[in-house]
Amino acid sequence: MASIQSQRKMSGKHSVSCNNAPFKAHIVRQILQLRLLNIVWLCLLLVACSKERLDAPMCRYQGEAPHLASGAAACLVRIGSKLLAIETEHKAWHLPAGQAQQPLSRQCTAHLAVWQLTGFNVEIGELLGQLEDETPVFACDLQAGFDDSTDTLPVPAWAEYKVRQIALIDPFALTPREWQSPDELIVIRSYFNAVKAPKISEGPAHDVPRPEPEPTAE
């Protein structure tokens, strides 16, 4: 009987303490701190598991050619007798290309696409023509300190989820089935021949960044 009364007294004390405003505030603070700690740990976990993408370099281009308004664009990079091409999960080769990136011009969209897919900082040159889907193709200069004896190139960590392989290939040794759009291969070869083989540089290209002008109508 005495033990029951003592338990009642203890429970009564407990109920009094729970109704105390400072005690309630303390409990709320503890809950908020635990939630904040969980959020911090989750953010740290996401950062640790992610693959960092370096900031894209400023768009580089040759001459004073008018910039085409925002839209898809592709780059044709010739290194000696080889063409820079990428292979995606579809196991077919194609040029580095990107979709419209507002408010970038097509030239700078092509520049950004090459960087995001290969990690190379090219210099955008003349407009060579367009693909079947009317995507313009620009001649892009890459002075990266290697020549056409190179076969495969490393894929940047941030592009591994969609790029299987980067390589220098002979476009005349490919069969149409090996190209993403078989009918485009003939056009790609003609554009390739129109590009003068660049001289091999002893080192990485020297960046001469230029500000992106306001997009103009095509």
Protein backbone atom coordinates (compact mmCIF):
# COMPACT_ATOMS: atom_id res chain seq x y z
CA MET A 1 0.00 0.00 0.00
CA ALA A 2 2.82 2.35 0.92
CA SER A 3 4.57 1.59 -2.35
CA ILE A 4 1.42 2.43 -4.31
CA GLN A 5 1.07 5.76 -2.54
CA SER A 6 4.75 6.56 -3.19
CA GLN A 7 4.28 5.77 -6.89
CA ARG A 8 1.25 8.09 -6.98
CA LYS A 9 3.31 10.81 -5.36
CA MET A 10 6.10 10.31 -7.91
CA SER A 11 3.64 10.34 -10.82
CA GLY A 12 2.08 13.46 -9.40
CA LYS A 13 5.46 15.13 -9.26
CA HIS A 14 6.13 14.04 -12.83
CA SER A 15 2.84 15.48 -14.07
CA VAL A 16 3.59 18.74 -12.36
CA SER A 17 7.04 18.93 -13.95
CA CYS A 18 5.59 18.18 -17.43
CA ASN A 19 3.18 21.05 -17.09
CA ASN A 20 6.08 23.36 -16.34
CA ALA A 21 6.60 25.83 -19.25
CA PRO A 22 10.44 25.85 -19.05
CA PHE A 23 10.45 22.06 -19.17
CA LYS A 24 8.27 22.05 -22.29
CA ALA A 25 10.51 24.61 -23.96
CA HIS A 26 13.53 22.44 -23.18
CA ILE A 27 11.88 19.40 -24.80
CA VAL A 28 10.99 21.40 -27.92
CA ARG A 29 14.58 22.66 -28.22
CA GLN A 30 15.89 19.10 -27.96
CA ILE A 31 13.56 17.91 -30.71
CA LEU A 32 14.52 20.79 -33.01
CA GLN A 33 18.22 20.17 -32.39
CA LEU A 34 17.84 16.48 -33.26
CA ARG A 35 15.99 17.32 -36.47
CA LEU A 36 18.61 19.89 -37.45
CA LEU A 37 21.37 17.39 -36.75
CA ASN A 38 19.65 14.81 -38.98
CA ILE A 39 19.37 17.35 -41.79
CA VAL A 40 23.08 18.25 -41.49
CA TRP A 41 24.11 14.60 -41.60
CA LEU A 42 21.90 14.00 -44.64
CA CYS A 43 23.46 16.96 -46.48
CA LEU A 44 26.97 15.75 -45.67
CA LEU A 45 26.09 12.28 -46.92
CA LEU A 46 24.74 13.64 -50.22
CA VAL A 47 27.86 15.77 -50.75
CA ALA A 48 30.16 12.84 -50.02
CA CYS A 49 28.32 10.60 -52.49
CA SER A 50 28.10 13.17 -55.30
CA LYS A 51 30.68 13.66 -58.05
CA GLU A 52 31.85 17.23 -58.18
CA ARG A 53 31.57 19.07 -61.47
CA LEU A 54 34.04 21.87 -61.99
CA ASP A 55 32.70 25.22 -63.05
CA ALA A 56 32.59 25.58 -66.83
CA PRO A 57 35.19 27.95 -68.31
CA MET A 58 34.09 31.10 -70.09
CA CYS A 59 33.00 30.66 -73.69
CA ARG A 60 35.84 31.03 -76.19
CA TYR A 61 35.34 31.69 -79.89
CA GLN A 62 37.26 32.83 -82.94
CA GLY A 63 36.72 36.01 -84.92
CA GLU A 64 33.71 38.26 -84.79
CA ALA A 65 31.11 36.02 -86.43
CA PRO A 66 27.51 36.87 -85.47
CA HIS A 67 26.19 34.68 -82.69
CA LEU A 68 23.15 32.54 -83.38
CA ALA A 69 20.23 32.81 -80.98
CA SER A 70 19.82 30.20 -78.26
CA GLY A 71 19.32 26.63 -79.44
CA ALA A 72 20.91 23.20 -79.78
CA ALA A 73 24.47 23.01 -81.13
CA ALA A 74 27.28 20.54 -81.78
CA CYS A 75 31.07 20.68 -82.04
CA LEU A 76 33.28 18.96 -84.59
CA VAL A 77 36.81 18.64 -83.20
CA ARG A 78 39.51 17.45 -85.57
CA ILE A 79 42.85 16.27 -84.19
CA GLY A 80 45.12 15.42 -87.11
CA SER A 81 43.37 12.65 -89.02
CA LYS A 82 41.00 11.79 -86.17
CA LEU A 83 37.60 13.01 -85.00
CA LEU A 84 36.72 13.56 -81.35
CA ALA A 85 33.57 11.52 -80.68
CA ILE A 86 31.68 10.26 -77.66
CA GLU A 87 29.80 7.04 -77.06
CA THR A 88 26.74 6.99 -74.82
CA GLU A 89 24.68 4.18 -73.32
CA HIS A 90 23.23 3.52 -76.78
CA LYS A 91 26.69 2.26 -77.85
CA ALA A 92 26.85 4.55 -80.87
CA TRP A 93 29.26 7.36 -81.68
CA HIS A 94 28.22 10.99 -82.12
CA LEU A 95 29.55 14.53 -81.87
CA PRO A 96 29.55 16.38 -78.54
CA ALA A 97 26.28 18.30 -78.63
CA GLY A 98 23.93 20.05 -76.25
CA GLN A 99 20.38 21.33 -76.07
CA ALA A 100 19.39 24.99 -75.82
CA GLN A 101 20.86 26.76 -72.81
CA GLN A 102 19.10 30.08 -72.24
CA PRO A 103 20.35 32.74 -72.67
CA LEU A 104 23.49 31.31 -74.33
CA SER A 105 24.01 31.57 -78.06
CA ARG A 106 24.39 28.38 -80.06
CA GLN A 107 28.16 28.90 -80.20
CA CYS A 108 28.45 29.02 -76.43
CA THR A 109 25.98 26.15 -76.06
CA ALA A 110 28.36 24.04 -78.17
CA HIS A 111 31.29 25.17 -76.02
CA LEU A 112 29.44 24.24 -72.82
CA ALA A 113 28.38 20.86 -74.21
CA VAL A 114 31.96 19.86 -75.01
CA TRP A 115 33.06 20.85 -71.52
CA GLN A 116 30.25 18.98 -69.79
CA LEU A 117 30.72 15.81 -71.85
CA THR A 118 34.51 15.66 -72.20
CA GLY A 119 36.11 18.19 -69.86
CA PHE A 120 37.83 19.92 -72.80
CA ASN A 121 37.89 23.70 -73.19
CA VAL A 122 37.60 24.19 -76.94
CA GLU A 123 37.56 27.35 -79.02
CA ILE A 124 34.51 27.73 -81.24
CA GLY A 125 35.22 28.44 -84.90
CA GLU A 126 33.22 28.70 -88.10
CA LEU A 127 29.78 27.26 -88.74
CA LEU A 128 30.20 24.14 -90.91
CA GLY A 129 26.55 23.31 -91.52
CA GLN A 130 23.82 21.42 -89.73
CA LEU A 131 22.68 17.90 -88.93
CA GLU A 132 19.44 16.18 -89.93
CA ASP A 133 17.57 17.74 -87.02
CA GLU A 134 18.89 21.19 -88.03
CA THR A 135 21.40 21.32 -85.16
CA PRO A 136 24.25 23.58 -86.27
CA VAL A 137 27.75 22.11 -86.28
CA PHE A 138 30.72 24.33 -85.47
CA ALA A 139 34.39 23.70 -86.12
CA CYS A 140 35.96 23.58 -82.66
CA ASP A 141 39.69 23.91 -82.03
CA LEU A 142 41.25 21.84 -79.27
CA GLN A 143 44.91 22.27 -78.37
CA ALA A 144 45.33 19.76 -75.60
CA GLY A 145 48.90 18.57 -76.03
CA PHE A 146 48.13 15.19 -77.65
CA ASP A 147 47.93 14.02 -81.25
CA ASP A 148 45.92 11.57 -83.32
CA SER A 149 47.99 8.62 -82.08
CA THR A 150 45.76 8.74 -78.99
CA ASP A 151 42.81 6.38 -79.05
CA THR A 152 40.68 6.66 -75.93
CA LEU A 153 40.48 9.56 -73.50
CA PRO A 154 39.38 9.60 -69.84
CA VAL A 155 35.75 10.39 -69.11
CA PRO A 156 35.25 13.13 -66.49
CA ALA A 157 33.74 11.79 -63.26
CA TRP A 158 30.72 14.07 -63.62
CA ALA A 159 29.91 12.70 -67.11
CA GLU A 160 30.25 8.99 -66.35
CA TYR A 161 26.50 8.57 -65.87
CA LYS A 162 25.83 9.21 -69.58
CA VAL A 163 29.17 8.94 -71.43
CA ARG A 164 30.61 5.47 -71.86
CA GLN A 165 33.68 6.41 -73.84
CA ILE A 166 35.54 9.34 -75.40
CA ALA A 167 37.83 8.59 -78.30
CA LEU A 168 39.65 9.90 -81.35
CA ILE A 169 38.35 7.90 -84.30
CA ASP A 170 38.79 7.81 -88.05
CA PRO A 171 35.39 8.86 -89.45
CA PHE A 172 36.17 7.07 -92.74
CA ALA A 173 36.81 3.79 -90.92
CA LEU A 174 33.37 3.81 -89.26
CA THR A 175 30.34 2.05 -90.68
CA PRO A 176 26.99 3.88 -90.69
CA ARG A 177 25.66 1.51 -88.04
CA GLU A 178 28.37 2.65 -85.64
CA TRP A 179 27.15 6.26 -85.83
CA GLN A 180 24.14 7.39 -83.82
CA SER A 181 22.31 8.57 -86.93
CA PRO A 182 23.63 6.43 -89.81
CA ASP A 183 22.58 8.87 -92.53
CA GLU A 184 24.56 11.67 -90.85
CA LEU A 185 27.92 9.99 -91.22
CA ILE A 186 28.38 11.15 -94.83
CA VAL A 187 27.66 14.73 -93.76
CA ILE A 188 30.05 14.43 -90.81
CA ARG A 189 32.79 13.24 -93.15
CA SER A 190 32.29 16.22 -95.44
CA TYR A 191 32.44 18.62 -92.49
CA PHE A 192 35.54 16.82 -91.25
CA ASN A 193 37.26 17.35 -94.63
CA ALA A 194 36.28 21.04 -94.55
CA VAL A 195 38.18 21.55 -91.30
CA LYS A 196 41.88 22.18 -91.67
CA ALA A 197 43.84 19.83 -89.44
CA PRO A 198 45.10 21.98 -86.53
CA LYS A 199 48.71 22.07 -85.51
CA ILE A 200 49.56 20.00 -82.46
CA SER A 201 50.26 22.18 -79.44
CA GLU A 202 52.99 21.49 -76.90
CA GLY A 203 50.66 22.27 -74.00
CA PRO A 204 47.11 23.14 -73.02
CA ALA A 205 45.28 25.88 -74.83
CA HIS A 206 45.68 29.41 -73.54
CA ASP A 207 42.30 30.69 -72.47
CA VAL A 208 41.22 33.97 -74.00
CA PRO A 209 37.77 34.37 -72.50
CA ARG A 210 35.30 36.64 -74.21
CA PRO A 211 32.01 37.84 -72.79
CA GLU A 212 28.88 36.30 -74.24
CA PRO A 213 27.10 38.90 -76.40
CA GLU A 214 23.38 39.36 -76.33
CA PRO A 215 21.62 36.66 -78.43
CA THR A 216 20.49 37.87 -81.80
CA ALA A 217 17.81 36.50 -84.07
CA GLU A 218 18.92 33.93 -86.56
